[in-house]
N, C-alpha and C. Protein backbone atom coordinates (compact mmCIF):
# COMPACT_ATOMS: atom_id res chain seq x y z
N MET A 1 89.17 24.39 9.83
CA MET A 1 88.85 23.05 10.32
C MET A 1 87.66 22.43 9.57
N PHE A 2 86.87 23.31 8.93
CA PHE A 2 85.74 22.80 8.16
C PHE A 2 86.23 21.93 7.02
N GLU A 3 87.35 22.32 6.40
CA GLU A 3 87.92 21.52 5.32
C GLU A 3 88.29 20.13 5.83
N LEU A 4 88.90 20.06 7.01
CA LEU A 4 89.29 18.77 7.58
C LEU A 4 88.07 17.89 7.81
N ALA A 5 87.02 18.45 8.39
CA ALA A 5 85.81 17.68 8.69
C ALA A 5 85.12 17.23 7.41
N LEU A 6 85.00 18.14 6.43
CA LEU A 6 84.29 17.81 5.20
C LEU A 6 85.01 16.74 4.39
N LYS A 7 86.33 16.87 4.26
CA LYS A 7 87.08 15.90 3.47
C LYS A 7 87.17 14.55 4.18
N SER A 8 87.19 14.56 5.50
CA SER A 8 87.14 13.30 6.24
C SER A 8 85.81 12.61 6.01
N LEU A 9 84.73 13.40 5.96
CA LEU A 9 83.41 12.83 5.68
C LEU A 9 83.37 12.24 4.27
N PHE A 10 83.90 12.96 3.30
CA PHE A 10 83.94 12.46 1.93
C PHE A 10 84.74 11.15 1.86
N ALA A 11 85.85 11.11 2.61
CA ALA A 11 86.68 9.90 2.62
C ALA A 11 85.91 8.73 3.22
N TYR A 12 85.16 8.99 4.27
CA TYR A 12 84.34 7.94 4.87
C TYR A 12 83.30 7.43 3.88
N LEU A 13 82.67 8.33 3.14
CA LEU A 13 81.66 7.93 2.16
C LEU A 13 82.29 7.13 1.04
N LEU A 14 83.50 7.49 0.63
CA LEU A 14 84.21 6.69 -0.36
C LEU A 14 84.52 5.30 0.19
N GLY A 15 84.94 5.26 1.45
CA GLY A 15 85.24 3.98 2.08
C GLY A 15 84.03 3.08 2.17
N SER A 16 82.84 3.68 2.21
CA SER A 16 81.61 2.89 2.31
C SER A 16 81.24 2.19 1.02
N LEU A 17 81.96 2.50 -0.08
CA LEU A 17 81.75 1.79 -1.33
C LEU A 17 82.50 0.46 -1.26
N MET A 18 81.79 -0.62 -0.98
CA MET A 18 82.40 -1.92 -0.74
C MET A 18 82.57 -2.70 -2.02
N GLY A 19 83.81 -3.05 -2.36
CA GLY A 19 84.07 -3.82 -3.55
C GLY A 19 83.33 -5.15 -3.57
N ALA A 20 83.33 -5.85 -2.44
CA ALA A 20 82.68 -7.17 -2.37
C ALA A 20 81.18 -7.08 -2.58
N LEU A 21 80.58 -6.02 -2.08
CA LEU A 21 79.13 -5.91 -2.16
C LEU A 21 78.69 -5.33 -3.50
N ILE A 22 79.52 -4.46 -4.08
CA ILE A 22 79.24 -3.96 -5.43
C ILE A 22 79.34 -5.11 -6.43
N ALA A 23 80.45 -5.86 -6.38
CA ALA A 23 80.61 -7.00 -7.28
C ALA A 23 79.55 -8.07 -6.98
N GLY A 24 79.19 -8.21 -5.71
CA GLY A 24 78.19 -9.19 -5.34
C GLY A 24 76.82 -8.88 -5.92
N ARG A 25 76.47 -7.60 -6.00
CA ARG A 25 75.18 -7.23 -6.58
C ARG A 25 75.15 -7.53 -8.07
N VAL A 26 76.30 -7.36 -8.73
CA VAL A 26 76.38 -7.69 -10.15
C VAL A 26 76.17 -9.19 -10.35
N ARG A 27 76.77 -9.99 -9.47
CA ARG A 27 76.68 -11.45 -9.59
C ARG A 27 75.44 -12.01 -8.91
N GLY A 28 74.82 -11.24 -8.05
CA GLY A 28 73.63 -11.72 -7.35
C GLY A 28 73.94 -12.51 -6.11
N VAL A 29 75.06 -12.20 -5.43
CA VAL A 29 75.43 -12.90 -4.21
C VAL A 29 75.79 -11.87 -3.14
N ASP A 30 75.77 -12.30 -1.91
CA ASP A 30 76.20 -11.49 -0.77
C ASP A 30 77.19 -12.34 0.02
N ILE A 31 78.48 -12.05 -0.11
CA ILE A 31 79.48 -12.91 0.52
C ILE A 31 79.49 -12.77 2.04
N ARG A 32 78.73 -11.80 2.56
CA ARG A 32 78.59 -11.73 4.02
C ARG A 32 77.76 -12.89 4.55
N ARG A 33 77.11 -13.61 3.64
CA ARG A 33 76.33 -14.80 4.01
C ARG A 33 77.06 -16.08 3.65
N MET A 34 78.32 -15.95 3.26
CA MET A 34 79.10 -17.10 2.80
C MET A 34 80.45 -17.16 3.51
N GLY A 35 81.02 -18.35 3.55
CA GLY A 35 82.37 -18.51 4.11
C GLY A 35 82.48 -17.95 5.51
N SER A 36 83.46 -17.06 5.69
CA SER A 36 83.70 -16.46 7.00
C SER A 36 82.71 -15.35 7.32
N GLY A 37 81.94 -14.91 6.30
CA GLY A 37 80.98 -13.83 6.51
C GLY A 37 81.59 -12.45 6.36
N ASN A 38 82.86 -12.39 6.01
CA ASN A 38 83.55 -11.10 5.88
C ASN A 38 83.48 -10.59 4.45
N ALA A 39 83.21 -9.29 4.31
CA ALA A 39 83.11 -8.68 2.98
C ALA A 39 84.46 -8.17 2.53
N GLY A 40 85.43 -9.07 2.46
CA GLY A 40 86.78 -8.70 2.07
C GLY A 40 87.33 -9.62 1.00
N GLY A 41 88.56 -9.31 0.57
CA GLY A 41 89.17 -10.03 -0.53
C GLY A 41 89.40 -11.51 -0.27
N THR A 42 89.83 -11.87 0.94
CA THR A 42 90.13 -13.27 1.24
C THR A 42 88.87 -14.13 1.15
N ASN A 43 87.79 -13.67 1.77
CA ASN A 43 86.54 -14.42 1.70
C ASN A 43 85.97 -14.42 0.29
N ALA A 44 86.18 -13.33 -0.45
CA ALA A 44 85.74 -13.28 -1.85
C ALA A 44 86.47 -14.33 -2.68
N LEU A 45 87.76 -14.48 -2.44
CA LEU A 45 88.54 -15.47 -3.19
C LEU A 45 88.09 -16.88 -2.86
N ARG A 46 87.87 -17.15 -1.58
CA ARG A 46 87.49 -18.50 -1.16
C ARG A 46 86.11 -18.89 -1.68
N THR A 47 85.19 -17.94 -1.72
CA THR A 47 83.81 -18.28 -2.04
C THR A 47 83.42 -18.02 -3.50
N GLN A 48 84.13 -17.07 -4.18
CA GLN A 48 83.69 -16.67 -5.52
C GLN A 48 84.77 -16.78 -6.59
N GLY A 49 86.02 -17.02 -6.18
CA GLY A 49 87.06 -17.19 -7.18
C GLY A 49 87.91 -15.95 -7.42
N PHE A 50 88.93 -16.14 -8.26
CA PHE A 50 89.96 -15.10 -8.44
C PHE A 50 89.43 -13.84 -9.10
N GLY A 51 88.64 -13.96 -10.15
CA GLY A 51 88.15 -12.78 -10.86
C GLY A 51 87.32 -11.88 -9.97
N PHE A 52 86.43 -12.48 -9.19
CA PHE A 52 85.59 -11.73 -8.26
C PHE A 52 86.47 -11.05 -7.21
N ALA A 53 87.43 -11.80 -6.65
CA ALA A 53 88.30 -11.26 -5.62
C ALA A 53 89.15 -10.11 -6.16
N LEU A 54 89.59 -10.22 -7.41
CA LEU A 54 90.39 -9.15 -8.01
C LEU A 54 89.57 -7.87 -8.12
N ALA A 55 88.32 -8.00 -8.52
CA ALA A 55 87.44 -6.82 -8.61
C ALA A 55 87.26 -6.18 -7.24
N VAL A 56 87.13 -7.02 -6.22
CA VAL A 56 86.98 -6.52 -4.85
C VAL A 56 88.21 -5.72 -4.43
N VAL A 57 89.38 -6.26 -4.67
CA VAL A 57 90.62 -5.60 -4.27
C VAL A 57 90.81 -4.29 -5.03
N VAL A 58 90.50 -4.30 -6.32
CA VAL A 58 90.65 -3.07 -7.13
C VAL A 58 89.80 -1.94 -6.55
N VAL A 59 88.56 -2.24 -6.20
CA VAL A 59 87.68 -1.21 -5.63
C VAL A 59 88.17 -0.78 -4.26
N ASP A 60 88.50 -1.76 -3.41
CA ASP A 60 88.86 -1.44 -2.02
C ASP A 60 90.19 -0.70 -1.91
N VAL A 61 91.14 -1.02 -2.77
CA VAL A 61 92.40 -0.27 -2.79
C VAL A 61 92.20 1.06 -3.50
N GLY A 62 91.46 1.04 -4.61
CA GLY A 62 91.28 2.25 -5.40
C GLY A 62 90.61 3.38 -4.65
N LYS A 63 89.62 3.05 -3.83
CA LYS A 63 88.92 4.12 -3.10
C LYS A 63 89.86 4.81 -2.11
N ALA A 64 90.82 4.07 -1.57
CA ALA A 64 91.79 4.68 -0.67
C ALA A 64 92.76 5.57 -1.44
N LEU A 65 93.14 5.15 -2.65
CA LEU A 65 94.02 5.97 -3.48
C LEU A 65 93.36 7.32 -3.77
N VAL A 66 92.07 7.29 -4.04
CA VAL A 66 91.34 8.53 -4.31
C VAL A 66 91.21 9.37 -3.03
N ALA A 67 90.80 8.71 -1.94
CA ALA A 67 90.54 9.43 -0.69
C ALA A 67 91.80 10.08 -0.13
N VAL A 68 92.92 9.41 -0.22
CA VAL A 68 94.16 9.92 0.38
C VAL A 68 95.02 10.67 -0.63
N GLY A 69 94.95 10.24 -1.90
CA GLY A 69 95.79 10.86 -2.91
C GLY A 69 95.20 12.12 -3.52
N LEU A 70 93.88 12.21 -3.60
CA LEU A 70 93.24 13.34 -4.28
C LEU A 70 92.51 14.30 -3.33
N LEU A 71 91.77 13.75 -2.38
CA LEU A 71 90.94 14.60 -1.52
C LEU A 71 91.71 15.69 -0.77
N PRO A 72 92.85 15.38 -0.13
CA PRO A 72 93.53 16.42 0.66
C PRO A 72 93.92 17.65 -0.15
N GLY A 73 94.26 17.49 -1.41
CA GLY A 73 94.67 18.63 -2.22
C GLY A 73 93.56 19.21 -3.07
N LEU A 74 92.35 18.68 -2.96
CA LEU A 74 91.23 19.13 -3.77
C LEU A 74 90.71 20.48 -3.28
N ASP A 75 90.65 21.44 -4.19
CA ASP A 75 90.13 22.77 -3.87
C ASP A 75 88.63 22.77 -4.09
N ILE A 76 87.87 22.53 -3.04
CA ILE A 76 86.42 22.46 -3.13
C ILE A 76 85.84 23.87 -3.16
N PRO A 77 85.01 24.19 -4.16
CA PRO A 77 84.40 25.53 -4.21
C PRO A 77 83.64 25.85 -2.93
N GLY A 78 83.90 27.05 -2.41
CA GLY A 78 83.25 27.47 -1.19
C GLY A 78 83.94 27.02 0.08
N VAL A 79 84.92 26.13 -0.08
CA VAL A 79 85.67 25.63 1.09
C VAL A 79 87.12 26.06 1.00
N GLY A 80 87.74 25.80 -0.16
CA GLY A 80 89.12 26.20 -0.36
C GLY A 80 90.10 25.34 0.40
N LEU A 81 91.36 25.77 0.43
CA LEU A 81 92.42 25.08 1.15
C LEU A 81 92.79 25.89 2.38
N ASP A 82 92.45 25.37 3.53
CA ASP A 82 92.67 26.07 4.79
C ASP A 82 94.16 26.04 5.15
N PRO A 83 94.84 27.20 5.21
CA PRO A 83 96.27 27.21 5.53
C PRO A 83 96.56 26.74 6.96
N ALA A 84 95.55 26.72 7.81
CA ALA A 84 95.75 26.28 9.19
C ALA A 84 95.74 24.76 9.31
N VAL A 85 95.34 24.07 8.25
CA VAL A 85 95.26 22.61 8.28
C VAL A 85 96.52 22.02 7.66
N ASP A 86 97.26 21.27 8.46
CA ASP A 86 98.46 20.61 7.97
C ASP A 86 98.07 19.55 6.95
N ARG A 87 98.73 19.53 5.78
CA ARG A 87 98.35 18.63 4.69
C ARG A 87 98.60 17.17 5.04
N ILE A 88 99.66 16.89 5.80
CA ILE A 88 99.94 15.50 6.15
C ILE A 88 98.90 14.99 7.15
N TRP A 89 98.58 15.81 8.13
CA TRP A 89 97.54 15.40 9.08
C TRP A 89 96.19 15.23 8.39
N LEU A 90 95.93 16.08 7.39
CA LEU A 90 94.68 15.95 6.63
C LEU A 90 94.67 14.62 5.86
N ALA A 91 95.80 14.28 5.25
CA ALA A 91 95.89 13.01 4.52
C ALA A 91 95.70 11.83 5.48
N VAL A 92 96.26 11.93 6.67
CA VAL A 92 96.10 10.88 7.68
C VAL A 92 94.64 10.78 8.12
N ALA A 93 94.00 11.92 8.29
CA ALA A 93 92.58 11.91 8.68
C ALA A 93 91.74 11.25 7.59
N CYS A 94 92.02 11.55 6.33
CA CYS A 94 91.29 10.94 5.22
C CYS A 94 91.57 9.44 5.15
N ALA A 95 92.82 9.06 5.41
CA ALA A 95 93.18 7.64 5.40
C ALA A 95 92.43 6.89 6.49
N THR A 96 92.36 7.47 7.67
CA THR A 96 91.64 6.85 8.78
C THR A 96 90.16 6.73 8.45
N ALA A 97 89.60 7.78 7.86
CA ALA A 97 88.17 7.80 7.55
C ALA A 97 87.81 6.79 6.47
N VAL A 98 88.65 6.64 5.45
CA VAL A 98 88.32 5.71 4.37
C VAL A 98 88.39 4.27 4.87
N VAL A 99 89.33 3.97 5.77
CA VAL A 99 89.39 2.63 6.35
C VAL A 99 88.17 2.38 7.24
N ALA A 100 87.80 3.40 8.02
CA ALA A 100 86.61 3.26 8.87
C ALA A 100 85.36 3.04 8.03
N GLY A 101 85.28 3.73 6.89
CA GLY A 101 84.14 3.56 6.01
C GLY A 101 84.05 2.15 5.46
N HIS A 102 85.22 1.55 5.21
CA HIS A 102 85.23 0.18 4.71
C HIS A 102 84.72 -0.80 5.78
N VAL A 103 85.09 -0.56 7.00
CA VAL A 103 84.69 -1.46 8.10
C VAL A 103 83.23 -1.22 8.48
N TRP A 104 82.79 0.03 8.49
CA TRP A 104 81.41 0.37 8.84
C TRP A 104 80.77 1.15 7.69
N PRO A 105 80.46 0.49 6.57
CA PRO A 105 79.95 1.20 5.39
C PRO A 105 78.51 1.71 5.57
N LEU A 106 78.33 2.98 5.31
CA LEU A 106 77.02 3.60 5.46
C LEU A 106 75.98 2.96 4.56
N TYR A 107 76.41 2.58 3.34
CA TYR A 107 75.45 2.08 2.35
C TYR A 107 75.11 0.60 2.52
N HIS A 108 75.77 -0.07 3.44
CA HIS A 108 75.59 -1.53 3.55
C HIS A 108 75.36 -1.94 5.01
N ASP A 109 74.50 -1.19 5.69
CA ASP A 109 74.08 -1.53 7.06
C ASP A 109 75.26 -1.58 8.03
N PHE A 110 76.32 -0.84 7.73
CA PHE A 110 77.51 -0.77 8.60
C PHE A 110 78.17 -2.13 8.80
N GLN A 111 77.96 -3.04 7.85
CA GLN A 111 78.58 -4.37 7.91
C GLN A 111 79.57 -4.50 6.77
N GLY A 112 80.82 -4.21 7.05
CA GLY A 112 81.83 -4.20 6.01
C GLY A 112 82.92 -5.23 6.21
N GLY A 113 84.11 -4.90 5.70
CA GLY A 113 85.25 -5.80 5.79
C GLY A 113 86.13 -5.47 6.97
N LYS A 114 87.37 -5.91 6.89
CA LYS A 114 88.30 -5.73 8.00
C LYS A 114 89.31 -4.62 7.77
N GLY A 115 89.29 -4.02 6.59
CA GLY A 115 90.07 -2.81 6.36
C GLY A 115 91.45 -2.97 5.80
N ALA A 116 91.93 -4.19 5.62
CA ALA A 116 93.33 -4.39 5.24
C ALA A 116 93.65 -3.88 3.83
N ALA A 117 92.83 -4.25 2.84
CA ALA A 117 93.10 -3.83 1.48
C ALA A 117 93.01 -2.31 1.34
N THR A 118 92.03 -1.71 1.99
CA THR A 118 91.88 -0.26 1.94
C THR A 118 93.05 0.42 2.63
N LEU A 119 93.54 -0.18 3.71
CA LEU A 119 94.72 0.36 4.38
C LEU A 119 95.94 0.30 3.46
N VAL A 120 96.08 -0.75 2.69
CA VAL A 120 97.18 -0.85 1.73
C VAL A 120 97.15 0.32 0.76
N GLY A 121 95.96 0.64 0.24
CA GLY A 121 95.83 1.77 -0.67
C GLY A 121 96.21 3.08 -0.01
N ALA A 122 95.82 3.25 1.25
CA ALA A 122 96.15 4.48 1.98
C ALA A 122 97.66 4.60 2.19
N VAL A 123 98.28 3.51 2.59
CA VAL A 123 99.73 3.51 2.83
C VAL A 123 100.50 3.75 1.53
N ALA A 124 99.97 3.24 0.43
CA ALA A 124 100.62 3.43 -0.86
C ALA A 124 100.75 4.90 -1.21
N VAL A 125 99.83 5.71 -0.72
CA VAL A 125 99.89 7.16 -0.96
C VAL A 125 100.73 7.84 0.11
N LEU A 126 100.51 7.48 1.37
CA LEU A 126 101.19 8.16 2.47
C LEU A 126 102.69 7.93 2.46
N GLN A 127 103.11 6.67 2.28
CA GLN A 127 104.54 6.34 2.28
C GLN A 127 104.74 5.01 1.56
N PRO A 128 104.85 5.04 0.24
CA PRO A 128 104.93 3.79 -0.53
C PRO A 128 106.18 2.97 -0.22
N LEU A 129 107.22 3.57 0.34
CA LEU A 129 108.45 2.83 0.61
C LEU A 129 108.27 1.73 1.63
N VAL A 130 107.23 1.83 2.47
CA VAL A 130 107.05 0.80 3.50
C VAL A 130 106.32 -0.43 2.98
N LEU A 131 105.74 -0.34 1.78
CA LEU A 131 104.92 -1.44 1.30
C LEU A 131 105.73 -2.71 1.04
N ALA A 132 106.91 -2.57 0.43
CA ALA A 132 107.69 -3.76 0.07
C ALA A 132 108.10 -4.58 1.28
N PRO A 133 108.72 -3.99 2.32
CA PRO A 133 109.09 -4.81 3.48
C PRO A 133 107.89 -5.36 4.24
N ILE A 134 106.80 -4.62 4.28
CA ILE A 134 105.61 -5.09 4.98
C ILE A 134 104.98 -6.25 4.23
N PHE A 135 104.93 -6.14 2.90
CA PHE A 135 104.40 -7.25 2.11
C PHE A 135 105.29 -8.48 2.25
N LEU A 136 106.60 -8.28 2.30
CA LEU A 136 107.51 -9.41 2.47
C LEU A 136 107.25 -10.12 3.79
N LEU A 137 107.07 -9.34 4.86
CA LEU A 137 106.75 -9.93 6.16
C LEU A 137 105.44 -10.69 6.09
N TRP A 138 104.43 -10.09 5.46
CA TRP A 138 103.13 -10.76 5.31
C TRP A 138 103.29 -12.10 4.61
N LEU A 139 104.06 -12.12 3.54
CA LEU A 139 104.24 -13.33 2.75
C LEU A 139 104.98 -14.40 3.54
N VAL A 140 106.01 -14.01 4.28
CA VAL A 140 106.77 -14.96 5.08
C VAL A 140 105.88 -15.60 6.14
N VAL A 141 105.06 -14.80 6.81
CA VAL A 141 104.17 -15.33 7.86
C VAL A 141 103.15 -16.30 7.26
N VAL A 142 102.59 -15.96 6.09
CA VAL A 142 101.64 -16.87 5.46
C VAL A 142 102.33 -18.16 5.04
N MET A 143 103.53 -18.05 4.50
CA MET A 143 104.26 -19.25 4.09
C MET A 143 104.57 -20.15 5.28
N LEU A 144 104.85 -19.55 6.43
CA LEU A 144 105.20 -20.32 7.62
C LEU A 144 103.99 -20.91 8.33
N THR A 145 102.89 -20.15 8.36
CA THR A 145 101.74 -20.55 9.17
C THR A 145 100.48 -20.87 8.37
N GLY A 146 100.35 -20.28 7.19
CA GLY A 146 99.12 -20.44 6.42
C GLY A 146 98.00 -19.53 6.85
N PHE A 147 98.21 -18.73 7.89
CA PHE A 147 97.15 -17.86 8.42
C PHE A 147 97.26 -16.46 7.79
N VAL A 148 96.30 -16.12 6.94
CA VAL A 148 96.29 -14.80 6.31
C VAL A 148 96.01 -13.72 7.35
N GLY A 149 95.07 -13.98 8.26
CA GLY A 149 94.74 -13.00 9.28
C GLY A 149 95.92 -12.67 10.17
N LEU A 150 96.65 -13.70 10.60
CA LEU A 150 97.82 -13.48 11.44
C LEU A 150 98.87 -12.67 10.69
N ALA A 151 99.09 -13.01 9.43
CA ALA A 151 100.06 -12.28 8.61
C ALA A 151 99.66 -10.82 8.49
N THR A 152 98.38 -10.57 8.29
CA THR A 152 97.89 -9.20 8.15
C THR A 152 98.10 -8.41 9.43
N MET A 153 97.77 -9.01 10.57
CA MET A 153 97.95 -8.31 11.85
C MET A 153 99.41 -8.00 12.14
N LEU A 154 100.28 -8.97 11.88
CA LEU A 154 101.71 -8.74 12.14
C LEU A 154 102.29 -7.70 11.20
N ALA A 155 101.87 -7.74 9.94
CA ALA A 155 102.35 -6.75 8.98
C ALA A 155 101.91 -5.35 9.40
N CYS A 156 100.66 -5.21 9.84
CA CYS A 156 100.17 -3.90 10.27
C CYS A 156 100.85 -3.44 11.55
N ALA A 157 101.23 -4.38 12.40
CA ALA A 157 101.91 -4.03 13.65
C ALA A 157 103.27 -3.38 13.39
N THR A 158 103.85 -3.65 12.21
CA THR A 158 105.16 -3.06 11.89
C THR A 158 105.04 -1.68 11.26
N LEU A 159 103.82 -1.25 10.95
CA LEU A 159 103.64 0.04 10.29
C LEU A 159 104.28 1.21 11.03
N PRO A 160 104.00 1.40 12.33
CA PRO A 160 104.61 2.54 13.01
C PRO A 160 106.12 2.47 13.03
N VAL A 161 106.68 1.26 13.15
CA VAL A 161 108.13 1.11 13.14
C VAL A 161 108.69 1.50 11.78
N ALA A 162 108.03 1.06 10.72
CA ALA A 162 108.48 1.38 9.37
C ALA A 162 108.40 2.88 9.10
N PHE A 163 107.30 3.50 9.51
CA PHE A 163 107.16 4.95 9.32
C PHE A 163 108.25 5.70 10.09
N ALA A 164 108.52 5.27 11.33
CA ALA A 164 109.54 5.93 12.12
C ALA A 164 110.92 5.74 11.53
N ALA A 165 111.19 4.56 10.97
CA ALA A 165 112.50 4.28 10.40
C ALA A 165 112.78 5.16 9.19
N ILE A 166 111.77 5.41 8.39
CA ILE A 166 111.95 6.27 7.22
C ILE A 166 112.10 7.72 7.63
N GLY A 167 111.38 8.12 8.67
CA GLY A 167 111.53 9.46 9.22
C GLY A 167 111.00 10.54 8.28
N GLY A 168 111.62 11.72 8.35
CA GLY A 168 111.19 12.83 7.52
C GLY A 168 110.24 13.75 8.27
N PRO A 169 109.88 14.88 7.64
CA PRO A 169 109.03 15.87 8.31
C PRO A 169 107.63 15.37 8.65
N GLY A 170 107.15 14.34 7.93
CA GLY A 170 105.81 13.83 8.20
C GLY A 170 105.79 12.61 9.09
N ALA A 171 106.90 12.32 9.75
CA ALA A 171 106.99 11.08 10.52
C ALA A 171 105.99 11.03 11.67
N GLN A 172 105.82 12.12 12.39
CA GLN A 172 104.96 12.09 13.59
C GLN A 172 103.52 11.70 13.26
N PRO A 173 102.85 12.36 12.31
CA PRO A 173 101.48 11.93 12.00
C PRO A 173 101.42 10.53 11.42
N LEU A 174 102.43 10.12 10.66
CA LEU A 174 102.41 8.79 10.08
C LEU A 174 102.61 7.71 11.14
N VAL A 175 103.48 7.96 12.10
CA VAL A 175 103.67 7.01 13.19
C VAL A 175 102.39 6.89 14.02
N ALA A 176 101.75 8.02 14.29
CA ALA A 176 100.48 7.99 15.03
C ALA A 176 99.44 7.20 14.26
N PHE A 177 99.39 7.41 12.95
CA PHE A 177 98.46 6.66 12.11
C PHE A 177 98.80 5.18 12.14
N GLY A 178 100.09 4.85 12.07
CA GLY A 178 100.51 3.45 12.09
C GLY A 178 100.11 2.75 13.38
N ILE A 179 100.27 3.43 14.50
CA ILE A 179 99.89 2.84 15.79
C ILE A 179 98.38 2.59 15.83
N ALA A 180 97.62 3.62 15.40
CA ALA A 180 96.16 3.49 15.42
C ALA A 180 95.69 2.35 14.52
N MET A 181 96.29 2.22 13.34
CA MET A 181 95.88 1.18 12.41
C MET A 181 96.31 -0.21 12.89
N ALA A 182 97.47 -0.31 13.53
CA ALA A 182 97.91 -1.61 14.06
C ALA A 182 96.91 -2.13 15.08
N VAL A 183 96.46 -1.24 15.96
CA VAL A 183 95.46 -1.64 16.97
C VAL A 183 94.12 -1.93 16.32
N PHE A 184 93.74 -1.09 15.37
CA PHE A 184 92.43 -1.23 14.74
C PHE A 184 92.33 -2.52 13.92
N ILE A 185 93.37 -2.83 13.16
CA ILE A 185 93.34 -4.05 12.35
C ILE A 185 93.35 -5.30 13.24
N ALA A 186 94.07 -5.24 14.35
CA ALA A 186 94.01 -6.36 15.30
C ALA A 186 92.59 -6.53 15.83
N TRP A 187 91.91 -5.40 16.08
CA TRP A 187 90.54 -5.47 16.58
C TRP A 187 89.60 -6.03 15.53
N THR A 188 89.74 -5.62 14.27
CA THR A 188 88.85 -6.13 13.22
C THR A 188 89.10 -7.61 12.94
N HIS A 189 90.26 -8.10 13.34
CA HIS A 189 90.58 -9.53 13.14
C HIS A 189 90.40 -10.34 14.43
N ARG A 190 89.65 -9.81 15.37
CA ARG A 190 89.50 -10.49 16.67
C ARG A 190 88.85 -11.87 16.51
N ALA A 191 87.95 -12.01 15.53
CA ALA A 191 87.34 -13.32 15.30
C ALA A 191 88.37 -14.32 14.80
N ASN A 192 89.32 -13.84 13.99
CA ASN A 192 90.40 -14.72 13.52
C ASN A 192 91.24 -15.21 14.69
N ILE A 193 91.48 -14.32 15.64
CA ILE A 193 92.28 -14.69 16.82
C ILE A 193 91.57 -15.79 17.60
N VAL A 194 90.25 -15.64 17.77
CA VAL A 194 89.47 -16.65 18.48
C VAL A 194 89.54 -17.99 17.75
N ARG A 195 89.41 -17.96 16.43
CA ARG A 195 89.45 -19.21 15.67
C ARG A 195 90.83 -19.84 15.67
N MET A 196 91.87 -19.03 15.63
CA MET A 196 93.23 -19.59 15.70
C MET A 196 93.46 -20.26 17.04
N ARG A 197 93.00 -19.66 18.09
CA ARG A 197 93.17 -20.26 19.42
C ARG A 197 92.36 -21.55 19.55
N ALA A 198 91.22 -21.59 18.84
CA ALA A 198 90.37 -22.79 18.90
C ALA A 198 90.81 -23.86 17.91
N GLY A 199 91.74 -23.50 17.02
CA GLY A 199 92.21 -24.46 16.02
C GLY A 199 91.26 -24.64 14.85
N THR A 200 90.37 -23.67 14.62
CA THR A 200 89.38 -23.79 13.54
C THR A 200 89.60 -22.78 12.42
N GLU A 201 90.64 -21.99 12.50
CA GLU A 201 90.90 -20.98 11.47
C GLU A 201 91.34 -21.64 10.16
N ASN A 202 90.77 -21.18 9.05
CA ASN A 202 91.17 -21.66 7.73
C ASN A 202 92.60 -21.23 7.41
N ARG A 203 93.30 -22.05 6.66
CA ARG A 203 94.65 -21.72 6.21
C ARG A 203 94.68 -21.59 4.69
N ALA A 204 95.53 -20.68 4.22
CA ALA A 204 95.74 -20.51 2.78
C ALA A 204 96.74 -21.56 2.32
N ARG A 205 96.24 -22.75 1.98
CA ARG A 205 97.12 -23.89 1.74
C ARG A 205 98.00 -23.71 0.51
N ARG A 206 97.53 -22.93 -0.46
CA ARG A 206 98.37 -22.70 -1.64
C ARG A 206 99.58 -21.83 -1.33
N LEU A 207 99.45 -20.97 -0.32
CA LEU A 207 100.57 -20.12 0.08
C LEU A 207 101.34 -20.69 1.26
N TRP A 208 100.74 -21.66 1.96
CA TRP A 208 101.39 -22.26 3.13
C TRP A 208 102.43 -23.27 2.63
N LEU A 209 103.52 -22.74 2.11
CA LEU A 209 104.51 -23.57 1.43
C LEU A 209 105.34 -24.41 2.38
N LEU A 210 105.51 -23.94 3.60
CA LEU A 210 106.39 -24.63 4.54
C LEU A 210 105.58 -25.43 5.57
N ARG A 211 104.39 -25.87 5.17
CA ARG A 211 103.56 -26.64 6.10
C ARG A 211 104.14 -28.04 6.28
N PRO A 212 103.87 -28.64 7.44
CA PRO A 212 104.29 -30.04 7.65
C PRO A 212 103.65 -30.94 6.62
N ARG A 213 104.29 -32.03 6.29
CA ARG A 213 103.79 -32.93 5.24
C ARG A 213 102.41 -33.49 5.54
N ASP A 214 102.13 -33.72 6.82
CA ASP A 214 100.84 -34.32 7.16
C ASP A 214 99.74 -33.27 7.33
N ALA A 215 100.07 -31.95 7.14
CA ALA A 215 99.06 -30.92 7.37
C ALA A 215 98.03 -30.86 6.25
N GLY A 216 98.36 -31.40 5.09
CA GLY A 216 97.41 -31.34 3.99
C GLY A 216 96.45 -32.50 3.97
N ARG A 217 96.59 -33.45 4.88
CA ARG A 217 95.72 -34.63 4.88
C ARG A 217 94.34 -34.31 5.43
């Protein structure tokens, strides 16, 4: 169990490396003081432009690829690979920890992002087959409503269903992970929910292709 705890800790520390704040230090800005105040890709795009946002996404997705794709199978000297630890559950634990690190980063006063991009990286390792239909759902919701946050929450809500539909020997831990992440991402987007109900939530107008004609005025 020491292997599980140690690798989960390493995954959390990797998650604490925030793309928005690393890129922000290079540019001399802190996007937590701009726009929506969120240290994520959407706010980075709105406040700093495409190049900055791309760097943010690369870091935030990449750290999950490392945490979930490499850490579980890494033979750490003095720790080894514990045969009592199921590899899929270990990967799920690392995935959960890296997302938590992104939301509550140790190096940045525990003020991070909402976890969506890092979750994408984790899912890409755990079960890449679910990415295409989930991204399609995300895109359809944004095109219909213009709300990126709503699209993200609905896409994440389908994760456990997608994992269960694919099945296989690792279905149980993946479905459990999907349920936990669906609830967690909804919680991290609670401010978006409040703004949508108040009618003050920003819309991605370039992607809101099916908006009413008078919505752009």
